[in-house]
Amino acid sequence: MDLNGKTVKRGFDRDSFYQAAEKTFDRTTGFKRNYVESYVGRKAHAKEPGKFFAKVMGLPTKEKDMAFKLLKTMGVKAPSIPTNKVQMAAKIIKALGRGIDKARGAGEDMGY
């Protein structure tokens, strides 16, 4: 929008505001904010949970442990991530079983 011959931005950039407020607060108070507590982290959890948990899993060990403790206190249920081939196979078999059950239910609904 032009005002007196100058381009003026309209609206409010909430993302920039929250990030700047967090940065100022953290710097002023010396607060060490975990990714899970950050505005960016909370937004990622709401919009892209898969990427959020991938980022949490990539944190250094101490930060990751703290992140899972914080998630637990916030009532967020973290996904179970297989750590070996047996757990991975069990997870795949369970998912296939759910898919088969869903397909059976759909077939029954259609009268097959």
C-alpha atoms as a PDB file:
ATOM      1  CA  MET A   1       0.000   0.000   0.000  1.00  0.00           C
ATOM      2  CA  ASP A   2       1.276   3.474  -0.798  1.00  0.00           C
ATOM      3  CA  LEU A   3       1.011   6.311   1.697  1.00  0.00           C
ATOM      4  CA  ASN A   4       2.372   9.728   0.748  1.00  0.00           C
ATOM      5  CA  GLY A   5       4.396   8.115  -2.026  1.00  0.00           C
ATOM      6  CA  LYS A   6       6.041   5.510   0.240  1.00  0.00           C
ATOM      7  CA  THR A   7       5.285   1.815   0.402  1.00  0.00           C
ATOM      8  CA  VAL A   8       3.847   0.866   3.793  1.00  0.00           C
ATOM      9  CA  LYS A   9       3.569  -2.693   5.032  1.00  0.00           C
ATOM     10  CA  ARG A  10       0.154  -3.724   6.291  1.00  0.00           C
ATOM     11  CA  GLY A  11      -0.652  -6.361   8.848  1.00  0.00           C
ATOM     12  CA  PHE A  12       1.222  -7.948  11.722  1.00  0.00           C
ATOM     13  CA  ASP A  13       3.948 -10.606  11.486  1.00  0.00           C
ATOM     14  CA  ARG A  14       3.203 -12.792  14.510  1.00  0.00           C
ATOM     15  CA  ASP A  15       6.113 -15.171  13.851  1.00  0.00           C
ATOM     16  CA  SER A  16       8.696 -12.377  13.879  1.00  0.00           C
ATOM     17  CA  PHE A  17       7.144 -10.807  16.966  1.00  0.00           C
ATOM     18  CA  TYR A  18       7.198 -14.020  19.035  1.00  0.00           C
ATOM     19  CA  GLN A  19      10.713 -14.955  17.926  1.00  0.00           C
ATOM     20  CA  ALA A  20      12.033 -11.492  18.771  1.00  0.00           C
ATOM     21  CA  ALA A  21      10.233 -11.513  22.139  1.00  0.00           C
ATOM     22  CA  GLU A  22      11.680 -14.942  23.019  1.00  0.00           C
ATOM     23  CA  LYS A  23      15.164 -13.889  21.967  1.00  0.00           C
ATOM     24  CA  THR A  24      14.984 -10.679  24.013  1.00  0.00           C
ATOM     25  CA  PHE A  25      13.614 -12.481  27.084  1.00  0.00           C
ATOM     26  CA  ASP A  26      16.211 -15.258  26.868  1.00  0.00           C
ATOM     27  CA  ARG A  27      19.080 -12.792  26.450  1.00  0.00           C
ATOM     28  CA  THR A  28      17.849 -10.506  29.251  1.00  0.00           C
ATOM     29  CA  THR A  29      17.187 -13.252  31.803  1.00  0.00           C
ATOM     30  CA  GLY A  30      19.840 -15.778  30.725  1.00  0.00           C
ATOM     31  CA  PHE A  31      17.112 -18.378  30.123  1.00  0.00           C
ATOM     32  CA  LYS A  32      18.190 -21.481  28.171  1.00  0.00           C
ATOM     33  CA  ARG A  33      15.112 -22.334  26.087  1.00  0.00           C
ATOM     34  CA  ASN A  34      14.729 -25.904  24.854  1.00  0.00           C
ATOM     35  CA  TYR A  35      13.492 -26.426  21.270  1.00  0.00           C
ATOM     36  CA  VAL A  36      10.245 -27.916  22.642  1.00  0.00           C
ATOM     37  CA  GLU A  37       9.534 -24.690  24.565  1.00  0.00           C
ATOM     38  CA  SER A  38      10.262 -22.362  21.661  1.00  0.00           C
ATOM     39  CA  TYR A  39       7.628 -20.752  19.471  1.00  0.00           C
ATOM     40  CA  VAL A  40       9.188 -22.384  16.406  1.00  0.00           C
ATOM     41  CA  GLY A  41       9.063 -25.791  18.109  1.00  0.00           C
ATOM     42  CA  ARG A  42       5.460 -25.444  19.246  1.00  0.00           C
ATOM     43  CA  LYS A  43       4.410 -24.263  15.790  1.00  0.00           C
ATOM     44  CA  ALA A  44       6.244 -27.201  14.166  1.00  0.00           C
ATOM     45  CA  HIS A  45       4.561 -29.625  16.583  1.00  0.00           C
ATOM     46  CA  ALA A  46       1.134 -28.275  15.639  1.00  0.00           C
ATOM     47  CA  LYS A  47       1.688 -28.148  11.874  1.00  0.00           C
ATOM     48  CA  GLU A  48       4.262 -30.877  11.136  1.00  0.00           C
ATOM     49  CA  PRO A  49       4.571 -33.355  14.023  1.00  0.00           C
ATOM     50  CA  GLY A  50       6.809 -35.705  12.022  1.00  0.00           C
ATOM     51  CA  LYS A  51       9.413 -33.017  11.376  1.00  0.00           C
ATOM     52  CA  PHE A  52       9.072 -31.815  14.969  1.00  0.00           C
ATOM     53  CA  PHE A  53       9.896 -35.228  16.442  1.00  0.00           C
ATOM     54  CA  ALA A  54      12.705 -35.731  13.909  1.00  0.00           C
ATOM     55  CA  LYS A  55      14.218 -32.435  15.098  1.00  0.00           C
ATOM     56  CA  VAL A  56      13.812 -33.492  18.758  1.00  0.00           C
ATOM     57  CA  MET A  57      15.530 -36.819  18.032  1.00  0.00           C
ATOM     58  CA  GLY A  58      18.433 -34.915  16.445  1.00  0.00           C
ATOM     59  CA  LEU A  59      19.080 -32.809  19.558  1.00  0.00           C
ATOM     60  CA  PRO A  60      22.120 -33.548  21.730  1.00  0.00           C
ATOM     61  CA  THR A  61      21.439 -36.212  24.379  1.00  0.00           C
ATOM     62  CA  LYS A  62      20.932 -33.879  27.362  1.00  0.00           C
ATOM     63  CA  GLU A  63      18.654 -31.559  25.394  1.00  0.00           C
ATOM     64  CA  LYS A  64      16.716 -34.512  23.973  1.00  0.00           C
ATOM     65  CA  ASP A  65      16.155 -35.959  27.452  1.00  0.00           C
ATOM     66  CA  MET A  66      14.958 -32.575  28.694  1.00  0.00           C
ATOM     67  CA  ALA A  67      12.707 -32.219  25.626  1.00  0.00           C
ATOM     68  CA  PHE A  68      10.963 -35.521  26.354  1.00  0.00           C
ATOM     69  CA  LYS A  69      10.544 -34.568  30.026  1.00  0.00           C
ATOM     70  CA  LEU A  70       8.993 -31.257  28.975  1.00  0.00           C
ATOM     71  CA  LEU A  71       6.707 -32.988  26.482  1.00  0.00           C
ATOM     72  CA  LYS A  72       5.569 -35.368  29.205  1.00  0.00           C
ATOM     73  CA  THR A  73       4.770 -32.503  31.597  1.00  0.00           C
ATOM     74  CA  MET A  74       2.830 -30.766  28.804  1.00  0.00           C
ATOM     75  CA  GLY A  75       0.776 -33.931  28.274  1.00  0.00           C
ATOM     76  CA  VAL A  76       2.145 -34.611  24.785  1.00  0.00           C
ATOM     77  CA  LYS A  77       2.466 -38.280  23.996  1.00  0.00           C
ATOM     78  CA  ALA A  78       5.730 -38.890  22.158  1.00  0.00           C
ATOM     79  CA  PRO A  79       5.708 -41.559  19.452  1.00  0.00           C
ATOM     80  CA  SER A  80       7.519 -44.794  20.163  1.00  0.00           C
ATOM     81  CA  ILE A  81      10.580 -44.957  17.952  1.00  0.00           C
ATOM     82  CA  PRO A  82      12.025 -48.420  17.278  1.00  0.00           C
ATOM     83  CA  THR A  83      15.661 -48.778  18.289  1.00  0.00           C
ATOM     84  CA  ASN A  84      16.388 -52.184  16.753  1.00  0.00           C
ATOM     85  CA  LYS A  85      15.236 -54.476  13.914  1.00  0.00           C
ATOM     86  CA  VAL A  86      12.899 -56.534  16.117  1.00  0.00           C
ATOM     87  CA  GLN A  87      11.020 -53.429  17.300  1.00  0.00           C
ATOM     88  CA  MET A  88      10.861 -52.168  13.704  1.00  0.00           C
ATOM     89  CA  ALA A  89       9.426 -55.481  12.466  1.00  0.00           C
ATOM     90  CA  ALA A  90       6.850 -55.528  15.271  1.00  0.00           C
ATOM     91  CA  LYS A  91       5.782 -51.975  14.439  1.00  0.00           C
ATOM     92  CA  ILE A  92       5.406 -52.827  10.728  1.00  0.00           C
ATOM     93  CA  ILE A  93       3.390 -55.982  11.479  1.00  0.00           C
ATOM     94  CA  LYS A  94       1.104 -54.038  13.806  1.00  0.00           C
ATOM     95  CA  ALA A  95       0.549 -51.343  11.151  1.00  0.00           C
ATOM     96  CA  LEU A  96      -0.191 -53.976   8.491  1.00  0.00           C
ATOM     97  CA  GLY A  97      -2.684 -55.615  10.845  1.00  0.00           C
ATOM     98  CA  ARG A  98      -4.490 -52.298  11.368  1.00  0.00           C
ATOM     99  CA  GLY A  99      -4.598 -51.778   7.595  1.00  0.00           C
ATOM    100  CA  ILE A 100      -6.054 -55.245   7.017  1.00  0.00           C
ATOM    101  CA  ASP A 101      -8.677 -54.693   9.729  1.00  0.00           C
ATOM    102  CA  LYS A 102      -9.629 -51.355   8.178  1.00  0.00           C
ATOM    103  CA  ALA A 103      -9.927 -52.959   4.728  1.00  0.00           C
ATOM    104  CA  ARG A 104     -12.127 -55.733   6.126  1.00  0.00           C
ATOM    105  CA  GLY A 105     -14.364 -53.142   7.774  1.00  0.00           C
ATOM    106  CA  ALA A 106     -14.666 -51.198   4.517  1.00  0.00           C
ATOM    107  CA  GLY A 107     -15.544 -54.359   2.639  1.00  0.00           C
ATOM    108  CA  GLU A 108     -18.250 -55.250   5.135  1.00  0.00           C
ATOM    109  CA  ASP A 109     -19.712 -51.740   4.880  1.00  0.00           C
ATOM    110  CA  MET A 110     -20.038 -52.203   1.113  1.00  0.00           C
ATOM    111  CA  GLY A 111     -21.795 -55.528   1.525  1.00  0.00           C
ATOM    112  CA  TYR A 112     -18.958 -57.826   0.393  1.00  0.00           C
END
